[in-house]
N, C-alpha and C. Protein backbone atom coordinates (compact mmCIF):
# COMPACT_ATOMS: atom_id res chain seq x y z
N UNK A 1 5.82 -7.36 15.60
CA UNK A 1 7.04 -6.80 15.56
C UNK A 1 7.18 -6.77 13.84
N UNK A 2 7.61 -5.59 13.56
CA UNK A 2 7.86 -5.13 12.22
C UNK A 2 9.27 -5.50 11.84
N UNK A 3 9.66 -6.22 10.97
CA UNK A 3 11.03 -6.48 10.60
C UNK A 3 11.05 -6.47 8.97
N UNK A 4 12.31 -5.79 8.66
CA UNK A 4 12.54 -5.85 7.15
C UNK A 4 14.08 -6.45 7.18
N UNK A 5 14.48 -7.48 6.52
CA UNK A 5 15.71 -8.02 6.47
C UNK A 5 16.13 -8.11 4.92
N UNK A 6 17.39 -7.42 4.74
CA UNK A 6 17.87 -7.50 3.47
C UNK A 6 18.76 -8.86 3.21
N UNK A 7 19.19 -9.20 2.16
CA UNK A 7 20.13 -10.19 2.04
C UNK A 7 20.53 -10.15 0.60
N UNK A 8 21.62 -10.76 0.00
CA UNK A 8 22.07 -10.95 -1.19
C UNK A 8 23.08 -10.11 -1.58
N UNK A 9 23.68 -9.19 -0.66
CA UNK A 9 24.76 -8.50 -1.04
C UNK A 9 26.00 -9.04 -1.06
N UNK A 10 27.01 -8.66 -1.49
CA UNK A 10 28.43 -9.39 -1.49
C UNK A 10 29.37 -8.48 -2.44
N UNK A 11 30.37 -9.31 -2.82
CA UNK A 11 31.45 -8.73 -3.59
C UNK A 11 31.25 -9.33 -5.07
N UNK A 12 31.33 -8.21 -6.05
CA UNK A 12 31.28 -8.68 -7.39
C UNK A 12 32.07 -7.77 -8.22
N UNK A 13 32.36 -8.24 -9.33
CA UNK A 13 33.42 -7.59 -10.34
C UNK A 13 32.46 -6.44 -11.15
N UNK A 14 33.08 -5.43 -11.66
CA UNK A 14 32.48 -4.24 -12.57
C UNK A 14 31.71 -5.15 -13.63
N UNK A 15 30.70 -4.85 -13.98
CA UNK A 15 29.97 -5.48 -14.87
C UNK A 15 29.13 -6.70 -14.74
N UNK A 16 29.26 -7.01 -13.33
CA UNK A 16 28.62 -8.15 -12.84
C UNK A 16 27.10 -7.89 -12.43
N UNK A 17 26.37 -8.95 -11.79
CA UNK A 17 25.09 -8.68 -11.48
C UNK A 17 25.02 -9.34 -10.05
N UNK A 18 23.84 -8.75 -9.25
CA UNK A 18 23.46 -9.09 -8.06
C UNK A 18 21.99 -8.92 -7.79
N UNK A 19 21.41 -9.90 -7.00
CA UNK A 19 20.10 -9.58 -6.74
C UNK A 19 19.87 -9.61 -5.34
N UNK A 20 19.46 -8.32 -4.78
CA UNK A 20 19.25 -8.21 -3.43
C UNK A 20 17.63 -8.64 -3.19
N UNK A 21 17.22 -9.10 -1.99
CA UNK A 21 16.08 -9.56 -1.49
C UNK A 21 15.76 -8.69 -0.10
N UNK A 22 14.70 -8.41 -0.05
CA UNK A 22 14.10 -7.80 1.27
C UNK A 22 12.87 -8.54 1.76
N UNK A 23 12.94 -9.13 2.79
CA UNK A 23 11.72 -9.90 3.49
C UNK A 23 11.05 -9.15 4.66
N UNK A 24 9.79 -8.92 4.46
CA UNK A 24 9.04 -8.39 5.49
C UNK A 24 8.17 -9.08 6.29
N UNK A 25 8.06 -8.62 7.46
CA UNK A 25 7.01 -9.32 8.40
C UNK A 25 6.57 -8.20 9.29
N UNK A 26 5.37 -8.54 9.97
CA UNK A 26 4.66 -7.61 10.80
C UNK A 26 3.85 -6.61 10.18
N UNK A 27 3.76 -6.45 8.83
CA UNK A 27 3.07 -5.51 8.23
C UNK A 27 2.20 -6.17 7.14
N UNK A 28 1.09 -5.41 6.75
CA UNK A 28 0.41 -5.88 5.57
C UNK A 28 0.97 -5.53 4.35
N UNK A 29 1.86 -6.30 3.94
CA UNK A 29 2.94 -5.97 2.85
C UNK A 29 2.28 -5.26 1.51
N UNK A 30 1.37 -5.82 1.32
CA UNK A 30 0.68 -5.50 -0.32
C UNK A 30 0.25 -4.08 -0.21
N UNK A 31 -0.10 -3.39 0.82
CA UNK A 31 -0.32 -2.08 0.79
C UNK A 31 0.90 -0.92 0.76
N UNK A 32 1.90 -1.24 1.14
CA UNK A 32 2.93 -0.64 1.25
C UNK A 32 3.98 -0.22 0.13
N UNK A 33 4.47 0.92 0.08
CA UNK A 33 5.19 1.35 -0.96
C UNK A 33 6.70 0.85 -0.46
N UNK A 34 7.39 0.29 -1.23
CA UNK A 34 8.70 -0.22 -0.81
C UNK A 34 9.82 0.57 -1.74
N UNK A 35 10.84 0.91 -0.85
CA UNK A 35 12.00 1.64 -1.64
C UNK A 35 13.53 0.94 -1.36
N UNK A 36 14.16 0.92 -2.27
CA UNK A 36 15.73 0.59 -1.94
C UNK A 36 16.55 1.80 -1.76
N UNK A 37 17.17 2.07 -0.84
CA UNK A 37 18.10 3.12 -0.72
C UNK A 37 19.56 2.62 -0.53
N UNK A 38 20.54 3.57 -0.74
CA UNK A 38 22.02 3.17 -0.47
C UNK A 38 22.66 4.33 0.15
N UNK A 39 23.64 4.04 0.73
CA UNK A 39 24.52 5.02 1.32
C UNK A 39 26.05 4.31 1.43
N UNK A 40 26.86 5.14 0.60
CA UNK A 40 28.17 4.91 0.65
C UNK A 40 28.93 5.72 1.84
N UNK A 41 30.25 5.26 2.09
CA UNK A 41 30.81 6.20 3.14
C UNK A 41 31.24 7.53 2.85
N UNK A 42 30.70 8.47 3.80
CA UNK A 42 31.08 9.80 3.62
C UNK A 42 29.96 10.39 2.66
N UNK A 43 29.03 9.82 2.18
CA UNK A 43 27.93 10.35 1.49
C UNK A 43 26.65 10.07 1.82
N UNK A 44 25.79 10.97 1.50
CA UNK A 44 24.26 10.79 1.90
C UNK A 44 23.57 9.58 1.49
N UNK A 45 22.59 9.25 2.21
CA UNK A 45 21.77 8.22 1.70
C UNK A 45 20.85 8.62 0.55
N UNK A 46 20.82 7.82 -0.48
CA UNK A 46 20.21 8.24 -1.72
C UNK A 46 18.90 7.19 -2.07
N UNK A 47 18.00 7.57 -2.77
CA UNK A 47 16.94 6.75 -3.15
C UNK A 47 17.50 5.93 -4.50
N UNK A 48 17.34 4.86 -4.52
CA UNK A 48 17.50 3.83 -5.65
C UNK A 48 16.46 3.50 -6.58
N UNK A 49 15.58 3.05 -5.91
CA UNK A 49 14.24 2.61 -6.67
C UNK A 49 13.13 2.48 -5.73
N UNK A 50 11.84 2.74 -6.28
CA UNK A 50 10.49 2.36 -5.39
C UNK A 50 9.76 1.43 -6.37
N UNK A 51 8.81 0.89 -5.58
CA UNK A 51 7.79 0.28 -6.20
C UNK A 51 6.39 0.34 -5.34
N UNK A 52 5.28 0.88 -5.86
CA UNK A 52 4.16 0.89 -5.23
C UNK A 52 3.33 -0.23 -4.94
N UNK A 53 2.30 -0.16 -4.22
CA UNK A 53 1.38 -1.31 -4.12
C UNK A 53 0.96 -1.63 -5.27
N UNK A 54 0.55 -0.96 -6.18
CA UNK A 54 0.10 -1.33 -7.37
C UNK A 54 1.24 -1.58 -8.45
N UNK A 55 2.42 -1.51 -8.09
CA UNK A 55 3.57 -2.24 -9.01
C UNK A 55 4.07 -1.17 -9.91
N UNK A 56 3.68 0.12 -9.60
CA UNK A 56 4.48 1.04 -10.41
C UNK A 56 5.90 1.42 -9.85
N UNK A 57 6.73 1.49 -10.78
CA UNK A 57 8.29 1.80 -10.29
C UNK A 57 8.83 2.99 -10.72
N UNK A 58 9.65 3.44 -9.91
CA UNK A 58 10.76 4.53 -10.31
C UNK A 58 12.10 4.18 -10.06
N UNK A 59 13.01 4.64 -10.82
CA UNK A 59 14.38 4.36 -10.47
C UNK A 59 15.19 5.68 -10.61
N UNK A 60 16.30 5.85 -9.62
CA UNK A 60 17.18 6.95 -9.93
C UNK A 60 17.80 7.08 -11.24
N UNK A 61 18.08 8.22 -11.62
CA UNK A 61 18.85 8.30 -12.99
C UNK A 61 20.23 7.36 -13.15
N UNK A 62 20.89 7.26 -12.07
CA UNK A 62 22.11 6.72 -11.90
C UNK A 62 22.07 5.14 -12.16
N UNK A 63 20.95 4.49 -12.12
CA UNK A 63 20.67 3.30 -12.28
C UNK A 63 19.75 2.71 -13.40
N UNK A 64 19.16 3.63 -13.97
CA UNK A 64 18.21 3.39 -14.92
C UNK A 64 18.81 2.86 -16.20
N UNK A 65 17.98 1.62 -16.59
CA UNK A 65 18.48 0.65 -17.50
C UNK A 65 19.54 -0.48 -16.88
N UNK A 66 19.67 -0.62 -15.72
CA UNK A 66 20.62 -1.30 -14.93
C UNK A 66 20.02 -2.20 -13.87
N UNK A 67 19.12 -1.29 -13.03
CA UNK A 67 18.39 -2.00 -11.79
C UNK A 67 16.88 -1.99 -12.12
N UNK A 68 16.52 -3.25 -11.61
CA UNK A 68 14.96 -3.49 -11.56
C UNK A 68 14.51 -3.94 -10.30
N UNK A 69 13.50 -3.08 -9.70
CA UNK A 69 12.89 -3.42 -8.56
C UNK A 69 11.65 -4.28 -8.84
N UNK A 70 11.10 -5.12 -7.97
CA UNK A 70 10.01 -5.90 -8.29
C UNK A 70 9.73 -6.47 -6.96
N UNK A 71 8.36 -6.96 -6.75
CA UNK A 71 7.74 -7.45 -5.48
C UNK A 71 6.88 -8.59 -5.76
N UNK A 72 7.00 -9.51 -4.67
CA UNK A 72 6.00 -10.75 -4.54
C UNK A 72 5.18 -10.61 -3.51
N UNK A 73 3.97 -10.11 -3.56
CA UNK A 73 3.10 -9.86 -2.52
C UNK A 73 2.73 -11.05 -1.66
N UNK A 74 2.79 -12.22 -2.38
CA UNK A 74 2.49 -13.46 -1.60
C UNK A 74 3.54 -13.96 -0.81
N UNK A 75 4.67 -13.68 -1.09
CA UNK A 75 5.71 -13.94 -0.22
C UNK A 75 6.21 -12.94 0.71
N UNK A 76 5.60 -11.72 0.77
CA UNK A 76 6.11 -10.61 1.35
C UNK A 76 7.75 -10.28 1.01
N UNK A 77 8.03 -10.26 -0.30
CA UNK A 77 9.31 -10.02 -0.70
C UNK A 77 9.50 -9.03 -1.75
N UNK A 78 10.46 -8.22 -1.75
CA UNK A 78 10.73 -7.24 -2.68
C UNK A 78 12.34 -7.52 -2.91
N UNK A 79 12.54 -7.26 -4.60
CA UNK A 79 13.85 -7.61 -4.86
C UNK A 79 14.41 -6.36 -5.69
N UNK A 80 15.64 -6.42 -5.83
CA UNK A 80 16.53 -5.42 -6.47
C UNK A 80 17.47 -6.12 -7.30
N UNK A 81 17.17 -6.34 -8.76
CA UNK A 81 18.15 -6.91 -9.65
C UNK A 81 18.98 -5.82 -10.14
N UNK A 82 20.13 -6.12 -9.81
CA UNK A 82 21.50 -5.19 -10.43
C UNK A 82 22.24 -5.64 -11.42
N UNK A 83 22.27 -5.16 -12.44
CA UNK A 83 23.14 -5.45 -13.60
C UNK A 83 24.18 -4.51 -13.96
N UNK A 84 24.92 -4.97 -14.65
CA UNK A 84 26.11 -3.99 -15.02
C UNK A 84 26.62 -3.16 -14.00
N UNK A 85 26.94 -3.65 -12.96
CA UNK A 85 27.45 -3.00 -11.68
C UNK A 85 28.88 -2.24 -12.09
N UNK A 86 28.80 -1.14 -11.50
CA UNK A 86 29.93 -0.18 -11.44
C UNK A 86 30.33 0.04 -9.99
N UNK A 87 31.68 0.26 -9.94
CA UNK A 87 32.28 0.71 -8.68
C UNK A 87 31.52 1.70 -7.92
N UNK A 88 31.02 2.66 -8.56
CA UNK A 88 30.32 3.78 -7.96
C UNK A 88 28.94 3.02 -7.31
N UNK A 89 28.37 1.98 -7.62
CA UNK A 89 27.32 1.24 -6.94
C UNK A 89 27.79 0.69 -5.48
N UNK A 90 29.04 0.69 -5.11
CA UNK A 90 29.38 0.16 -3.79
C UNK A 90 28.79 1.05 -2.77
N UNK A 91 27.99 0.42 -1.71
CA UNK A 91 27.26 1.08 -0.84
C UNK A 91 26.62 -0.02 0.16
N UNK A 92 26.04 0.58 1.13
CA UNK A 92 24.98 -0.39 1.96
C UNK A 92 23.87 -0.15 1.54
N UNK A 93 22.97 -0.98 1.09
CA UNK A 93 21.73 -1.00 0.50
C UNK A 93 20.68 -1.42 1.63
N UNK A 94 19.72 -0.37 1.71
CA UNK A 94 18.59 -0.52 2.73
C UNK A 94 17.15 -0.54 2.19
N UNK A 95 16.51 -1.56 2.49
CA UNK A 95 15.23 -1.53 2.25
C UNK A 95 14.14 -0.69 3.14
N UNK A 96 13.21 -0.04 2.65
CA UNK A 96 12.28 0.80 3.21
C UNK A 96 11.00 0.31 2.88
N UNK A 97 9.92 0.55 3.88
CA UNK A 97 8.53 0.26 3.68
C UNK A 97 7.78 1.40 4.18
N UNK A 98 6.92 2.18 3.45
CA UNK A 98 6.29 3.32 3.90
C UNK A 98 4.67 3.15 3.41
N UNK A 99 3.83 3.57 4.44
CA UNK A 99 2.49 3.55 4.12
C UNK A 99 1.82 4.68 5.11
N UNK A 100 0.82 5.19 4.72
CA UNK A 100 0.07 6.34 5.48
C UNK A 100 -1.53 6.32 5.25
N UNK A 101 -2.21 6.78 6.32
CA UNK A 101 -3.70 6.73 6.23
C UNK A 101 -4.03 8.03 7.02
N UNK A 102 -5.18 8.57 6.66
CA UNK A 102 -5.55 9.71 7.22
C UNK A 102 -5.73 9.63 8.77
N UNK A 103 -6.29 8.46 9.14
CA UNK A 103 -6.46 8.28 10.66
C UNK A 103 -5.42 7.76 11.43
N UNK A 104 -4.51 6.93 10.68
CA UNK A 104 -3.36 6.40 11.62
C UNK A 104 -2.03 7.01 11.38
N UNK A 105 -2.04 7.91 10.27
CA UNK A 105 -0.82 8.74 10.05
C UNK A 105 0.14 7.77 9.23
N UNK A 106 1.44 8.31 9.09
CA UNK A 106 2.51 7.56 8.51
C UNK A 106 3.16 6.40 9.22
N UNK A 107 3.57 5.46 8.15
CA UNK A 107 4.34 4.40 8.74
C UNK A 107 5.46 4.27 7.88
N UNK A 108 6.66 3.94 8.69
CA UNK A 108 7.93 4.11 7.98
C UNK A 108 9.04 3.27 8.69
N UNK A 109 9.24 2.16 7.84
CA UNK A 109 10.23 1.18 8.39
C UNK A 109 11.35 0.82 7.59
N UNK A 110 12.49 0.57 8.24
CA UNK A 110 13.86 0.37 7.59
C UNK A 110 14.52 -1.17 8.03
N UNK A 111 15.02 -1.80 7.04
CA UNK A 111 15.93 -2.89 7.37
C UNK A 111 17.28 -2.22 7.81
N UNK A 112 18.19 -3.18 8.25
CA UNK A 112 19.59 -3.01 8.66
C UNK A 112 20.68 -2.80 7.59
N UNK A 113 20.28 -3.22 6.30
CA UNK A 113 21.17 -2.90 5.31
C UNK A 113 21.83 -4.37 5.03
N UNK A 114 22.33 -4.17 3.64
CA UNK A 114 23.31 -5.24 3.21
C UNK A 114 24.27 -4.59 2.40
N UNK A 115 25.61 -5.11 2.52
CA UNK A 115 26.74 -4.56 1.73
C UNK A 115 26.98 -4.95 0.33
N UNK A 116 27.16 -4.08 -0.63
CA UNK A 116 27.34 -4.40 -1.91
C UNK A 116 28.79 -3.74 -2.18
N UNK A 117 29.56 -4.43 -2.70
CA UNK A 117 31.05 -4.03 -2.98
C UNK A 117 31.37 -4.42 -4.51
N UNK A 118 31.53 -3.48 -5.43
CA UNK A 118 31.85 -3.67 -6.64
C UNK A 118 33.44 -3.24 -7.03
N UNK A 119 34.19 -4.22 -7.14
CA UNK A 119 35.49 -4.13 -7.32
C UNK A 119 36.05 -5.30 -8.00
N UNK A 120 37.29 -4.91 -8.90
CA UNK A 120 38.06 -5.90 -9.43
C UNK A 120 39.04 -6.52 -8.69
């Protein structure tokens, strides 16, 4: 059974920091591309950051210089370090794992999300 479980969300003041974690099970974690997405009420879900199996990362323009995605394949964990948080970062943050092969086709899994609220 595939499971992705996010943790680390909470309430933080503007300018503060949080580190989110995503724990994966039921997959060969090291071969998957992992992404963090977020969705605020009334808004579309948006991609925040991705990290490939080889460790290459990409960040959305809105979080460049503030957020860092990383992974620990030995522990089946991916992190999102969030610094200099802004009220507009408030959202539910979701972990996504994605992989595909010619014979097996795409594999795409989601966690249930963790709430991040940035407010004074």
